[in-house]
Amino acid sequence: MIYDYLIIGAGLGGLSAGLNLVSKNKKTVILEKNSLPGGMTTTFKRGRFEFDTSLYDIYDYGTKDNIGTFQKLLKRFDLNLDTTVIPFNALVLDNENFNFEVKGNFEDFIFNIENVKKGSLPGLKEFIKITKEVHEALRIIENNQEPNEEEYPNFYKYLDKTTLDTLKDLKIPLVSIYILSYTWVDLGINLSKLNFIDFAEYIYKLIFKKDVILNTKSLSFTLKLVKKYQSGGGKIYYNSEVVNVTKKDNLFLVKTKDNLEYKAKNIIGDIFKRYFFKDLYTLEMKDVNKLENARSLSPNGIIVFLGLNKSCEELGLKNYKYYHYNTLNSDACIKTMNDLYHDTYEVVVPNVYNKEASPKNTTIVILKKTYYGDALNALDKTNYETLKTDIAQDLITKFENHFNIDIEEYIEEIEIATPLTILKYSGSVNGSLYGYSKKGYDASIHRLISYESEQIEGISFVGSSSVFGSNADNSFHSGIYVTDKLLNKGGSKNE
């Protein structure tokens, strides 16, 4: 059989691309190297615990009355998610004895910043207005139009500005900037390099679409997508790792590790471009190589999954998230994050809002430490088990000491994911956690603007390293956006 489209990878980008294509009666096949779909949006079991690997927040799903892009795109295929809107609930500390708790909605957050630093409110209110302007301008660009400069002056003013420079320009005090951006580590890049448009869009989703969590395990969601895709006639094959792609007579020949061969008119990769062109398909195009070399991989890190035999109430775990920084100044902090035992990390406690996250009277805790630079190159065959265990133990001890919470004696299950784990499972280059970094020259806005000029005949890419970057909503959105382009529908037509 000759397929119209062959998709490499069944992450959220690959699955959404497949859904869109089969809805237009395109013969489509997805090849997935693992035994389950979802990429990093999946689950795994250890003992009586079932851990979600990554999906702890969805920023663009929205509510029943205020539908987000993710929800709108799912509705195309008569799909929905079982979600709960959650308020801000984070405790943030640093080594300089600065600490604050984020509770309630975004308005509460803003007024709490004003309480910390008087005079912040005018700049913060202006910032909120600008996030809405940025969001509207981005939707116009997605639909192949150009925003009117008179109508969207701030969008053009801050188009190529960094987040730090923009927030300073809005006269927001430095300490208030640090508090406002306390989740910068989740975006994988410090404020002096993060493009403002990406930060504004991220905050817009938090303000107007709210933060939601899944009431089910993420694997249930991805299997639901697969079922819908298959009902439309789509094919998916698991344990089918692609090892080689060639092109002959305008057809792509795709070989898998088990020596099967597939033919397709077009290829869509839910994988890194760098991996595709380096290891799977040779393309002598200097512009492509130049573009990929100019891009920066996001940082990698270590994730520790804990199953505890006490409830979160018994353990005193009251916050959904905990953040600890060496310093809230992201530029200064990032310089310390090449030390294997640095003090910057984040923690998620799913049970705080989802009582079904684990068995009764138990708790799941996920600790993540991000590294910038080559610190984890120290991991090799001779020390892998010992060193990753030492880092995990240090992380658990730090969390206990910093937040005055005892968890170690209640650990029933533990799993440690390193960059090698992530590389092996998802194919993420260098075990990168967030795709490509959204630096000024490679921010989402520039990827959108240059999308058409960067296309290679018959080959497209979706997922976290594609147009919109990482996170579940962005990955899913990319699959629809890219296939809409391929199907000549002129963009994703979302709001």
Protein backbone atom coordinates (compact mmCIF):
# COMPACT_ATOMS: atom_id res chain seq x y z
CA MET A 1 0.00 0.00 0.00
CA ILE A 2 1.10 3.54 -0.70
CA TYR A 3 0.04 5.88 2.09
CA ASP A 4 -0.71 9.53 1.57
CA TYR A 5 1.02 10.32 4.86
CA LEU A 6 3.35 8.36 7.10
CA ILE A 7 3.80 9.80 10.60
CA ILE A 8 6.89 8.92 12.64
CA GLY A 9 5.95 9.01 16.31
CA ALA A 10 2.64 8.82 18.17
CA GLY A 11 3.13 11.77 20.50
CA LEU A 12 0.36 14.34 20.79
CA GLY A 13 1.59 16.12 17.65
CA GLY A 14 1.63 12.90 15.64
CA LEU A 15 -1.77 11.80 16.92
CA SER A 16 -3.44 15.15 16.22
CA ALA A 17 -1.88 15.21 12.74
CA GLY A 18 -3.22 11.71 12.12
CA LEU A 19 -6.70 12.64 13.36
CA ASN A 20 -6.85 15.63 11.05
CA LEU A 21 -5.62 13.70 8.03
CA VAL A 22 -8.00 10.75 8.34
CA SER A 23 -10.89 13.18 8.86
CA LYS A 24 -10.10 14.33 5.32
CA ASN A 25 -9.97 10.74 4.03
CA LYS A 26 -6.20 10.60 3.68
CA LYS A 27 -4.59 7.16 3.88
CA THR A 28 -2.42 7.55 6.95
CA VAL A 29 -0.15 5.33 9.03
CA ILE A 30 1.64 6.10 12.30
CA LEU A 31 4.81 4.22 13.26
CA GLU A 32 5.59 4.33 16.99
CA LYS A 33 8.84 2.92 18.40
CA ASN A 34 7.35 2.18 21.83
CA SER A 35 4.55 -0.17 22.87
CA LEU A 36 2.23 2.69 23.89
CA PRO A 37 1.18 6.02 22.33
CA GLY A 38 1.60 9.53 23.70
CA GLY A 39 5.34 10.11 23.66
CA MET A 40 6.07 11.86 26.95
CA THR A 41 2.32 12.14 27.56
CA THR A 42 1.91 8.66 28.90
CA THR A 43 1.95 6.65 32.12
CA PHE A 44 3.96 3.82 33.63
CA LYS A 45 3.35 1.48 36.58
CA ARG A 46 5.56 0.64 39.51
CA GLY A 47 3.96 -1.59 42.11
CA ARG A 48 0.52 -0.23 42.96
CA PHE A 49 1.34 3.25 41.60
CA GLU A 50 0.63 4.54 38.10
CA PHE A 51 2.73 7.60 37.28
CA ASP A 52 2.01 10.23 34.63
CA THR A 53 5.30 11.08 32.99
CA SER A 54 4.66 14.74 32.23
CA LEU A 55 1.07 15.96 31.91
CA TYR A 56 0.37 17.82 35.17
CA ASP A 57 -1.10 21.05 33.73
CA ILE A 58 -2.95 21.99 30.57
CA TYR A 59 -2.76 25.73 29.95
CA ASP A 60 -4.95 26.14 26.88
CA TYR A 61 -7.91 23.85 27.42
CA GLY A 62 -10.13 26.40 29.08
CA THR A 63 -13.50 25.93 30.72
CA LYS A 64 -17.02 25.19 29.51
CA ASP A 65 -17.75 28.91 29.21
CA ASN A 66 -14.32 30.03 28.04
CA ILE A 67 -13.04 27.46 25.57
CA GLY A 68 -9.30 27.30 24.90
CA THR A 69 -7.59 26.34 21.66
CA PHE A 70 -6.85 22.80 22.82
CA GLN A 71 -10.50 22.18 23.67
CA LYS A 72 -11.68 23.76 20.43
CA LEU A 73 -9.37 21.57 18.36
CA LEU A 74 -10.54 18.44 20.17
CA LYS A 75 -14.14 19.38 19.45
CA ARG A 76 -13.34 19.14 15.73
CA PHE A 77 -13.24 15.39 16.26
CA ASP A 78 -16.05 15.19 18.84
CA LEU A 79 -13.53 14.64 21.61
CA ASN A 80 -13.23 16.17 25.04
CA LEU A 81 -11.25 15.80 28.24
CA ASP A 82 -12.40 15.18 31.79
CA THR A 83 -10.70 18.11 33.52
CA THR A 84 -10.76 20.17 36.69
CA VAL A 85 -9.87 23.86 36.81
CA ILE A 86 -7.29 24.43 39.52
CA PRO A 87 -6.26 27.68 41.20
CA PHE A 88 -2.70 28.86 41.69
CA ASN A 89 -1.22 26.82 44.51
CA ALA A 90 2.56 26.98 44.73
CA LEU A 91 5.14 27.60 47.42
CA VAL A 92 8.32 29.28 46.20
CA LEU A 93 11.61 29.58 48.12
CA ASP A 94 15.17 30.51 47.31
CA ASN A 95 18.56 30.39 49.01
CA GLU A 96 18.41 34.12 49.71
CA ASN A 97 15.55 33.62 52.20
CA PHE A 98 12.97 35.08 49.85
CA ASN A 99 9.74 33.10 49.85
CA PHE A 100 6.15 33.53 48.81
CA GLU A 101 3.04 31.42 48.37
CA VAL A 102 0.90 31.72 45.26
CA LYS A 103 -2.76 31.05 46.02
CA GLY A 104 -6.09 31.68 44.31
CA ASN A 105 -6.58 33.15 40.84
CA PHE A 106 -4.33 35.38 38.75
CA GLU A 107 -5.91 38.56 40.11
CA ASP A 108 -5.01 37.44 43.65
CA PHE A 109 -1.48 36.78 42.44
CA ILE A 110 -1.12 40.25 40.96
CA PHE A 111 -2.36 42.00 44.11
CA ASN A 112 -0.04 39.88 46.23
CA ILE A 113 2.87 41.08 44.11
CA GLU A 114 1.73 44.66 44.78
CA ASN A 115 1.74 43.88 48.50
CA VAL A 116 5.32 42.69 48.25
CA LYS A 117 6.44 45.68 46.21
CA LYS A 118 4.27 48.80 46.21
CA GLY A 119 3.95 50.53 42.85
CA SER A 120 3.96 47.31 40.80
CA LEU A 121 0.26 47.33 39.93
CA PRO A 122 0.21 49.86 37.03
CA GLY A 123 2.91 47.99 35.11
CA LEU A 124 1.32 44.61 35.83
CA LYS A 125 -2.08 45.80 34.60
CA GLU A 126 -0.50 47.11 31.40
CA PHE A 127 1.26 43.78 30.98
CA ILE A 128 -2.06 41.91 31.24
CA LYS A 129 -3.57 44.13 28.54
CA ILE A 130 -0.59 43.44 26.30
CA THR A 131 -0.91 39.66 26.73
CA LYS A 132 -4.39 39.88 25.22
CA GLU A 133 -3.11 41.98 22.33
CA VAL A 134 -0.31 39.47 21.69
CA HIS A 135 -2.72 36.54 21.74
CA GLU A 136 -5.05 38.17 19.21
CA ALA A 137 -2.15 39.12 16.92
CA LEU A 138 -0.80 35.56 16.97
CA ARG A 139 -4.18 34.17 15.94
CA ILE A 140 -4.21 36.54 12.96
CA ILE A 141 -0.75 35.40 11.87
CA GLU A 142 -1.74 31.73 12.24
CA ASN A 143 -4.56 32.39 9.79
CA ASN A 144 -2.14 33.72 7.16
CA GLN A 145 -2.91 37.37 7.72
CA GLU A 146 -0.91 40.30 9.02
CA PRO A 147 -1.98 42.17 12.17
CA ASN A 148 -2.61 45.88 11.66
CA GLU A 149 0.22 47.79 13.33
CA GLU A 150 -2.09 50.58 14.46
CA GLU A 151 -4.40 48.07 16.11
CA TYR A 152 -1.62 46.00 17.67
CA PRO A 153 1.17 48.51 18.43
CA ASN A 154 2.58 46.69 21.46
CA PHE A 155 2.82 43.43 19.57
CA TYR A 156 5.14 45.08 17.06
CA LYS A 157 6.94 47.10 19.71
CA TYR A 158 7.94 44.02 21.69
CA LEU A 159 8.12 41.51 18.84
CA ASP A 160 11.87 40.96 19.14
CA LYS A 161 12.31 41.98 22.75
CA THR A 162 13.26 39.66 25.56
CA THR A 163 10.90 39.10 28.47
CA LEU A 164 13.23 40.84 30.91
CA ASP A 165 13.70 43.94 28.75
CA THR A 166 9.96 44.24 28.10
CA LEU A 167 8.90 43.92 31.72
CA LYS A 168 11.50 46.51 32.68
CA ASP A 169 10.17 48.79 29.94
CA LEU A 170 6.72 48.49 31.51
CA LYS A 171 8.24 49.88 34.73
CA ILE A 172 7.62 46.72 36.71
CA PRO A 173 10.08 46.59 39.64
CA LEU A 174 12.74 43.90 39.40
CA VAL A 175 11.57 41.92 42.42
CA SER A 176 8.03 41.91 40.98
CA ILE A 177 9.38 40.64 37.65
CA TYR A 178 11.03 37.75 39.47
CA ILE A 179 7.80 36.87 41.27
CA LEU A 180 5.66 37.20 38.13
CA SER A 181 7.97 34.84 36.25
CA TYR A 182 8.58 32.32 39.03
CA THR A 183 7.76 29.47 36.61
CA TRP A 184 10.53 30.43 34.15
CA VAL A 185 12.23 27.07 34.70
CA ASP A 186 9.10 25.36 33.24
CA LEU A 187 9.70 27.28 30.01
CA GLY A 188 13.28 26.06 29.82
CA ILE A 189 14.97 29.43 29.33
CA ASN A 190 15.97 32.46 31.39
CA LEU A 191 14.21 35.84 31.08
CA SER A 192 17.02 37.67 29.30
CA LYS A 193 16.79 35.17 26.43
CA LEU A 194 13.11 34.19 26.44
CA ASN A 195 11.21 35.97 23.69
CA PHE A 196 8.51 38.20 25.22
CA ILE A 197 5.81 37.06 22.77
CA ASP A 198 6.13 33.48 24.05
CA PHE A 199 5.99 34.59 27.68
CA ALA A 200 2.97 36.82 27.03
CA GLU A 201 1.08 34.00 25.30
CA TYR A 202 1.90 31.62 28.17
CA ILE A 203 0.62 34.09 30.77
CA TYR A 204 -2.46 34.87 28.66
CA LYS A 205 -3.47 31.21 28.83
CA LEU A 206 -3.05 31.20 32.61
CA ILE A 207 -5.12 34.36 33.03
CA PHE A 208 -7.95 33.85 30.57
CA LYS A 209 -8.08 30.09 29.89
CA LYS A 210 -7.10 28.94 33.40
CA ASP A 211 -4.98 26.00 34.44
CA VAL A 212 -6.66 22.60 34.30
CA ILE A 213 -5.64 19.06 35.18
CA LEU A 214 -6.82 15.72 33.80
CA ASN A 215 -9.08 13.70 36.07
CA THR A 216 -7.83 10.55 34.35
CA LYS A 217 -4.39 9.20 33.61
CA SER A 218 -2.78 10.71 30.52
CA LEU A 219 -2.54 7.29 28.85
CA SER A 220 -6.36 7.09 28.91
CA PHE A 221 -6.44 10.36 26.95
CA THR A 222 -3.91 9.27 24.34
CA LEU A 223 -5.63 5.90 23.88
CA LYS A 224 -8.87 7.80 23.30
CA LEU A 225 -7.13 9.76 20.52
CA VAL A 226 -5.82 6.53 18.99
CA LYS A 227 -9.29 4.95 19.03
CA LYS A 228 -10.77 7.97 17.26
CA TYR A 229 -7.93 7.96 14.73
CA GLN A 230 -8.43 4.26 13.99
CA SER A 231 -12.19 4.67 13.67
CA GLY A 232 -11.46 7.07 10.82
CA GLY A 233 -9.43 4.42 9.01
CA GLY A 234 -5.98 5.35 10.27
CA LYS A 235 -3.35 2.68 10.87
CA ILE A 236 -0.94 2.64 13.81
CA TYR A 237 1.84 0.15 14.47
CA TYR A 238 3.68 -0.04 17.79
CA ASN A 239 7.20 -1.35 18.41
CA SER A 240 7.98 0.00 14.94
CA GLU A 241 11.15 2.03 15.24
CA VAL A 242 12.08 3.81 12.02
CA VAL A 243 15.75 3.35 11.13
CA ASN A 244 15.98 4.68 7.58
CA VAL A 245 14.09 6.96 5.17
CA THR A 246 14.91 7.31 1.49
CA LYS A 247 13.14 8.84 -1.48
CA LYS A 248 12.74 7.30 -4.92
CA ASP A 249 10.42 8.27 -7.77
CA ASN A 250 8.62 10.83 -5.58
CA LEU A 251 7.84 8.21 -2.93
CA PHE A 252 9.37 7.89 0.52
CA LEU A 253 10.55 4.44 1.52
CA VAL A 254 10.54 3.98 5.29
CA LYS A 255 12.28 1.03 6.91
CA THR A 256 11.77 -0.11 10.49
CA LYS A 257 14.05 -1.96 12.88
CA ASP A 258 12.19 -5.22 12.21
CA ASN A 259 12.94 -4.88 8.46
CA LEU A 260 9.46 -3.86 7.37
CA GLU A 261 9.14 -1.24 4.62
CA TYR A 262 6.39 1.33 4.08
CA LYS A 263 5.76 3.62 1.13
CA ALA A 264 4.28 7.09 1.45
CA LYS A 265 3.86 10.26 -0.54
CA ASN A 266 4.58 12.46 2.48
CA ILE A 267 6.41 12.15 5.80
CA ILE A 268 5.43 13.87 9.06
CA GLY A 269 7.87 13.60 11.93
CA ASP A 270 6.76 13.87 15.54
CA ILE A 271 10.47 13.88 16.33
CA PHE A 272 13.36 16.34 16.36
CA LYS A 273 14.36 17.61 12.93
CA ARG A 274 17.98 17.23 14.00
CA TYR A 275 17.49 13.54 14.70
CA PHE A 276 15.58 12.99 11.44
CA PHE A 277 18.19 14.59 9.19
CA LYS A 278 21.18 13.22 11.07
CA ASP A 279 20.13 9.63 11.67
CA LEU A 280 17.24 8.77 9.35
CA TYR A 281 17.33 10.80 6.15
CA THR A 282 20.22 12.43 4.36
CA LEU A 283 19.39 15.74 2.75
CA GLU A 284 22.16 17.86 1.27
CA MET A 285 20.63 21.26 1.85
CA LYS A 286 22.88 23.88 3.41
CA ASP A 287 19.95 26.06 4.48
CA VAL A 288 18.40 23.22 6.47
CA ASN A 289 21.68 22.37 8.18
CA LYS A 290 22.35 26.01 8.90
CA LEU A 291 18.91 26.45 10.46
CA GLU A 292 19.26 23.38 12.66
CA ASN A 293 22.75 24.36 13.79
CA ALA A 294 21.47 27.82 14.72
CA ARG A 295 18.83 26.33 17.00
CA SER A 296 19.54 25.57 20.63
CA LEU A 297 18.35 22.46 22.40
CA SER A 298 16.47 23.10 25.60
CA PRO A 299 18.07 21.80 28.81
CA ASN A 300 17.87 18.24 30.03
CA GLY A 301 17.39 17.01 33.56
CA ILE A 302 16.54 14.31 36.04
CA ILE A 303 13.00 13.40 37.13
CA VAL A 304 12.35 11.41 40.30
CA PHE A 305 8.96 9.68 40.64
CA LEU A 306 7.99 8.74 44.20
CA GLY A 307 5.09 6.62 45.44
CA LEU A 308 4.55 7.33 49.15
CA ASN A 309 2.49 5.17 51.52
CA LYS A 310 0.87 8.13 53.30
CA SER A 311 -1.76 10.62 52.15
CA CYS A 312 -0.69 14.15 51.23
CA GLU A 313 -2.67 15.43 54.24
CA GLU A 314 -0.74 13.12 56.58
CA LEU A 315 2.55 14.22 55.03
CA GLY A 316 1.71 17.92 55.24
CA LEU A 317 1.87 18.38 51.47
CA LYS A 318 -0.61 21.23 51.03
CA ASN A 319 0.67 22.78 47.80
CA TYR A 320 0.22 21.42 44.28
CA LYS A 321 3.65 22.70 43.32
CA TYR A 322 6.86 23.57 45.12
CA TYR A 323 9.69 25.57 43.58
CA HIS A 324 13.12 26.07 45.05
CA TYR A 325 15.70 28.33 43.38
CA ASN A 326 19.27 29.17 44.13
CA THR A 327 18.07 32.70 43.40
CA LEU A 328 14.90 34.07 41.80
CA ASN A 329 17.05 36.04 39.36
CA SER A 330 16.86 33.63 36.40
CA ASP A 331 20.05 34.92 34.77
CA ALA A 332 22.06 34.43 37.96
CA CYS A 333 20.31 31.17 38.76
CA ILE A 334 20.98 29.54 35.42
CA LYS A 335 24.74 29.95 35.95
CA THR A 336 24.49 27.64 38.97
CA MET A 337 22.54 24.93 37.17
CA ASN A 338 25.53 23.11 35.69
CA ASP A 339 26.38 21.66 39.10
CA LEU A 340 25.09 18.09 39.58
CA TYR A 341 23.86 18.99 43.06
CA HIS A 342 22.53 22.51 42.51
CA ASP A 343 19.62 23.87 44.56
CA THR A 344 17.07 24.68 41.84
CA TYR A 345 14.25 22.18 41.35
CA GLU A 346 10.48 21.88 41.13
CA VAL A 347 8.01 19.44 42.69
CA VAL A 348 4.46 18.39 41.75
CA VAL A 349 1.99 16.66 44.08
CA PRO A 350 -0.92 15.48 41.86
CA ASN A 351 -2.99 14.18 44.81
CA VAL A 352 -3.58 17.72 46.11
CA TYR A 353 -6.22 18.18 43.40
CA ASN A 354 -6.73 14.66 42.10
CA LYS A 355 -7.55 12.21 44.88
CA GLU A 356 -7.58 9.38 42.32
CA ALA A 357 -3.96 10.02 41.29
CA SER A 358 -2.86 7.08 43.47
CA PRO A 359 -4.44 4.44 45.75
CA LYS A 360 -6.23 5.56 48.90
CA ASN A 361 -3.95 6.88 51.66
CA THR A 362 -0.99 7.20 49.30
CA THR A 363 0.65 10.09 47.48
CA ILE A 364 2.60 10.59 44.29
CA VAL A 365 5.40 13.16 44.33
CA ILE A 366 7.42 14.11 41.23
CA LEU A 367 10.69 16.02 41.63
CA LYS A 368 12.46 17.52 38.61
CA LYS A 369 15.89 19.07 38.43
CA THR A 370 16.90 20.87 35.22
CA TYR A 371 20.50 21.20 34.03
CA TYR A 372 22.05 23.76 31.73
CA GLY A 373 25.38 22.89 30.18
CA ASP A 374 27.05 19.49 30.17
CA ALA A 375 26.77 18.47 33.83
CA LEU A 376 25.02 15.19 33.06
CA ASN A 377 27.75 14.13 30.68
CA ALA A 378 29.26 12.73 33.86
CA LEU A 379 26.76 9.87 33.58
CA ASP A 380 28.30 6.87 31.83
CA LYS A 381 28.18 3.08 31.96
CA THR A 382 30.63 2.89 34.84
CA ASN A 383 28.72 5.15 37.25
CA TYR A 384 25.19 5.43 35.86
CA GLU A 385 23.26 3.62 38.60
CA THR A 386 25.32 5.02 41.47
CA LEU A 387 25.40 8.61 40.27
CA LYS A 388 21.70 8.90 39.34
CA THR A 389 20.77 7.41 42.74
CA ASP A 390 23.06 9.89 44.51
CA ILE A 391 21.50 12.84 42.66
CA ALA A 392 17.99 11.59 43.44
CA GLN A 393 18.84 11.11 47.12
CA ASP A 394 20.31 14.61 47.27
CA LEU A 395 17.16 16.02 45.64
CA ILE A 396 14.87 14.26 48.11
CA THR A 397 16.96 15.47 51.06
CA LYS A 398 16.99 19.03 49.74
CA PHE A 399 13.22 19.03 49.38
CA GLU A 400 12.77 17.77 52.93
CA ASN A 401 15.15 20.35 54.38
CA HIS A 402 13.99 23.34 52.33
CA PHE A 403 10.26 22.79 52.88
CA ASN A 404 10.40 21.05 56.27
CA ILE A 405 8.48 18.00 55.01
CA ASP A 406 9.39 14.36 55.74
CA ILE A 407 8.89 11.98 52.82
CA GLU A 408 11.90 9.66 52.60
CA GLU A 409 10.77 7.16 55.23
CA TYR A 410 7.42 6.75 53.42
CA ILE A 411 8.83 5.92 49.99
CA GLU A 412 7.27 2.71 48.68
CA GLU A 413 8.23 3.08 45.01
CA ILE A 414 10.89 5.16 43.28
CA GLU A 415 11.81 5.56 39.63
CA ILE A 416 14.53 7.87 38.31
CA ALA A 417 14.44 9.17 34.72
CA THR A 418 17.68 10.59 33.33
CA PRO A 419 18.38 12.18 29.93
CA LEU A 420 19.36 8.70 28.75
CA THR A 421 15.93 7.41 29.78
CA ILE A 422 14.19 10.24 27.93
CA LEU A 423 16.44 9.84 24.88
CA LYS A 424 15.75 6.12 24.70
CA TYR A 425 12.00 6.46 25.15
CA SER A 426 11.14 9.57 23.15
CA GLY A 427 14.15 10.08 20.88
CA SER A 428 14.54 13.59 22.31
CA VAL A 429 18.02 14.76 21.29
CA ASN A 430 20.32 14.90 24.33
CA GLY A 431 17.33 14.04 26.52
CA SER A 432 16.05 17.58 26.02
CA LEU A 433 12.96 18.33 28.10
CA TYR A 434 11.37 21.20 26.14
CA GLY A 435 12.22 20.77 22.45
CA TYR A 436 14.17 23.70 21.05
CA SER A 437 14.73 26.77 23.23
CA LYS A 438 12.52 29.75 22.39
CA LYS A 439 15.34 32.23 22.04
CA GLY A 440 14.77 35.50 20.20
CA TYR A 441 15.74 34.23 16.76
CA ASP A 442 13.83 30.97 17.15
CA ALA A 443 10.76 31.98 19.15
CA SER A 444 7.32 30.71 18.19
CA ILE A 445 6.50 33.95 16.38
CA HIS A 446 9.53 33.58 14.11
CA ARG A 447 8.74 29.94 13.48
CA LEU A 448 5.25 30.98 12.41
CA ILE A 449 6.45 33.80 10.17
CA SER A 450 9.12 31.68 8.49
CA TYR A 451 7.09 28.47 8.33
CA GLU A 452 6.42 28.49 4.58
CA SER A 453 9.97 29.42 3.59
CA GLU A 454 11.44 26.58 5.67
CA GLN A 455 9.31 23.81 4.18
CA ILE A 456 10.90 20.85 2.44
CA GLU A 457 8.80 19.10 -0.16
CA GLY A 458 7.07 16.07 1.31
CA ILE A 459 8.55 16.44 4.82
CA SER A 460 6.93 18.21 7.79
CA PHE A 461 7.40 18.21 11.57
CA VAL A 462 5.02 18.42 14.49
CA GLY A 463 5.31 18.09 18.26
CA SER A 464 7.21 19.89 21.00
CA SER A 465 10.14 20.88 18.76
CA SER A 466 7.84 22.17 16.01
CA VAL A 467 6.05 25.49 15.53
CA PHE A 468 4.65 26.25 18.98
CA GLY A 469 7.12 24.51 21.26
CA SER A 470 6.61 22.18 24.21
CA ASN A 471 3.62 21.43 26.46
CA ALA A 472 0.66 19.21 25.60
CA ASP A 473 -1.53 21.96 24.16
CA ASN A 474 1.26 23.26 21.91
CA SER A 475 2.20 19.80 20.66
CA PHE A 476 -1.40 18.93 19.82
CA HIS A 477 -1.94 22.34 18.20
CA SER A 478 1.12 21.86 15.98
CA GLY A 479 -0.28 18.66 14.48
CA ILE A 480 -3.49 20.41 13.45
CA TYR A 481 -1.77 23.57 12.25
CA VAL A 482 0.77 21.75 10.09
CA THR A 483 -1.75 19.35 8.53
CA ASP A 484 -4.18 22.18 7.89
CA LYS A 485 -1.39 23.81 5.91
CA LEU A 486 -0.74 20.58 4.05
CA LEU A 487 -4.42 20.19 3.29
CA ASN A 488 -4.57 23.79 2.05
CA LYS A 489 -7.06 24.90 4.65
CA GLY A 490 -5.18 28.10 5.43
CA GLY A 491 -4.38 27.70 9.10
CA SER A 492 -6.05 26.31 12.16
CA LYS A 493 -8.84 28.90 12.30
CA ASN A 494 -8.84 29.09 16.07
CA GLU A 495 -9.44 31.95 18.40
